[in-house]
Amino acid sequence: MANQWLLLKEHWQVGPGGLSATVTAQPGTVLKKSELISGELPPNLKRNVSFATVEHFTKPLVAVDEAYWLANLK
């Protein structure tokens, strides 16, 4: 889906309540469509996110595996 993105868990701080609908980006973060290294993805499959950006989602984050969450952007 166009509004679904992967978030590397170690780069995000989840809001109160565990898997809440808001996260705050840490330095050097991207939202991406694949678990490949960001530098290997074409521009249409990744989106840079600046430090301290807050993203809001339509559903709570879902753990994909040990490293990533799946998020639905508003």
C-alpha atoms as a PDB file:
ATOM      1  CA  MET A   1       0.000   0.000   0.000  1.00  0.00           C
ATOM      2  CA  ALA A   2       1.141   3.526  -0.741  1.00  0.00           C
ATOM      3  CA  ASN A   3       0.730   4.722   2.859  1.00  0.00           C
ATOM      4  CA  GLN A   4       2.539   1.769   4.495  1.00  0.00           C
ATOM      5  CA  TRP A   5       6.170   2.227   5.530  1.00  0.00           C
ATOM      6  CA  LEU A   6       8.772   0.302   7.510  1.00  0.00           C
ATOM      7  CA  LEU A   7      10.417   1.949  10.515  1.00  0.00           C
ATOM      8  CA  LEU A   8      13.679   0.649  11.944  1.00  0.00           C
ATOM      9  CA  LYS A   9      12.873   0.200  15.642  1.00  0.00           C
ATOM     10  CA  GLU A  10      16.245   1.440  16.921  1.00  0.00           C
ATOM     11  CA  HIS A  11      15.697   4.837  15.239  1.00  0.00           C
ATOM     12  CA  TRP A  12      12.265   5.566  16.687  1.00  0.00           C
ATOM     13  CA  GLN A  13      10.876   6.330  20.125  1.00  0.00           C
ATOM     14  CA  VAL A  14       7.347   5.093  20.494  1.00  0.00           C
ATOM     15  CA  GLY A  15       4.893   7.314  22.339  1.00  0.00           C
ATOM     16  CA  PRO A  16       3.162   6.402  25.605  1.00  0.00           C
ATOM     17  CA  GLY A  17       1.299   3.109  25.709  1.00  0.00           C
ATOM     18  CA  GLY A  18       3.805   0.933  23.841  1.00  0.00           C
ATOM     19  CA  LEU A  19       2.814   0.639  20.190  1.00  0.00           C
ATOM     20  CA  SER A  20       1.034   3.945  19.992  1.00  0.00           C
ATOM     21  CA  ALA A  21       0.210   5.819  16.797  1.00  0.00           C
ATOM     22  CA  THR A  22       2.963   8.455  17.164  1.00  0.00           C
ATOM     23  CA  VAL A  23       6.741   8.056  16.966  1.00  0.00           C
ATOM     24  CA  THR A  24       9.607  10.571  17.077  1.00  0.00           C
ATOM     25  CA  ALA A  25      12.463  10.205  14.578  1.00  0.00           C
ATOM     26  CA  GLN A  26      16.079  10.054  15.640  1.00  0.00           C
ATOM     27  CA  PRO A  27      19.006  11.361  13.485  1.00  0.00           C
ATOM     28  CA  GLY A  28      19.608   9.731  10.094  1.00  0.00           C
ATOM     29  CA  THR A  29      16.230   8.074   9.775  1.00  0.00           C
ATOM     30  CA  VAL A  30      14.237   7.023   6.733  1.00  0.00           C
ATOM     31  CA  LEU A  31      10.848   5.498   6.174  1.00  0.00           C
ATOM     32  CA  LYS A  32      11.195   2.751   3.589  1.00  0.00           C
ATOM     33  CA  LYS A  33       9.285   0.117   1.640  1.00  0.00           C
ATOM     34  CA  SER A  34      11.857  -2.675   2.016  1.00  0.00           C
ATOM     35  CA  GLU A  35      14.255  -3.991   4.640  1.00  0.00           C
ATOM     36  CA  LEU A  36      17.149  -3.435   2.210  1.00  0.00           C
ATOM     37  CA  ILE A  37      19.798  -0.898   3.229  1.00  0.00           C
ATOM     38  CA  SER A  38      18.390   2.571   2.563  1.00  0.00           C
ATOM     39  CA  GLY A  39      21.296   3.517   0.285  1.00  0.00           C
ATOM     40  CA  GLU A  40      20.385   0.615  -2.011  1.00  0.00           C
ATOM     41  CA  LEU A  41      16.754   1.690  -2.472  1.00  0.00           C
ATOM     42  CA  PRO A  42      15.527   3.996  -5.243  1.00  0.00           C
ATOM     43  CA  PRO A  43      14.068   7.351  -4.115  1.00  0.00           C
ATOM     44  CA  ASN A  44      10.460   6.208  -4.582  1.00  0.00           C
ATOM     45  CA  LEU A  45      10.953   3.464  -1.970  1.00  0.00           C
ATOM     46  CA  LYS A  46      12.313   5.641   0.841  1.00  0.00           C
ATOM     47  CA  ARG A  47      11.623   8.949   2.523  1.00  0.00           C
ATOM     48  CA  ASN A  48      14.112  10.845   4.699  1.00  0.00           C
ATOM     49  CA  VAL A  49      12.871  11.969   8.087  1.00  0.00           C
ATOM     50  CA  SER A  50      14.572  14.759  10.025  1.00  0.00           C
ATOM     51  CA  PHE A  51      15.527  14.499  13.686  1.00  0.00           C
ATOM     52  CA  ALA A  52      12.625  15.147  16.087  1.00  0.00           C
ATOM     53  CA  THR A  53       9.962  14.721  13.383  1.00  0.00           C
ATOM     54  CA  VAL A  54       6.745  13.290  14.769  1.00  0.00           C
ATOM     55  CA  GLU A  55       4.817  10.976  12.453  1.00  0.00           C
ATOM     56  CA  HIS A  56       1.163  10.153  13.007  1.00  0.00           C
ATOM     57  CA  PHE A  57      -0.380   6.886  11.880  1.00  0.00           C
ATOM     58  CA  THR A  58      -3.883   5.646  11.149  1.00  0.00           C
ATOM     59  CA  LYS A  59      -3.316   2.432  13.142  1.00  0.00           C
ATOM     60  CA  PRO A  60      -0.940   1.392  15.930  1.00  0.00           C
ATOM     61  CA  LEU A  61       2.482   0.185  14.819  1.00  0.00           C
ATOM     62  CA  VAL A  62       2.770  -3.527  14.047  1.00  0.00           C
ATOM     63  CA  ALA A  63       5.984  -5.453  14.666  1.00  0.00           C
ATOM     64  CA  VAL A  64       7.197  -7.043  11.421  1.00  0.00           C
ATOM     65  CA  ASP A  65      10.198  -8.737  13.013  1.00  0.00           C
ATOM     66  CA  GLU A  66      12.873  -7.960  15.627  1.00  0.00           C
ATOM     67  CA  ALA A  67      14.128  -4.918  13.681  1.00  0.00           C
ATOM     68  CA  TYR A  68      11.103  -3.245  12.048  1.00  0.00           C
ATOM     69  CA  TRP A  69       7.633  -1.899  12.626  1.00  0.00           C
ATOM     70  CA  LEU A  70       5.039  -1.491   9.885  1.00  0.00           C
ATOM     71  CA  ALA A  71       3.259   1.853   9.969  1.00  0.00           C
ATOM     72  CA  ASN A  72       0.276   3.305   8.111  1.00  0.00           C
ATOM     73  CA  LEU A  73       0.872   7.008   7.542  1.00  0.00           C
ATOM     74  CA  LYS A  74      -2.051   9.415   7.704  1.00  0.00           C
END
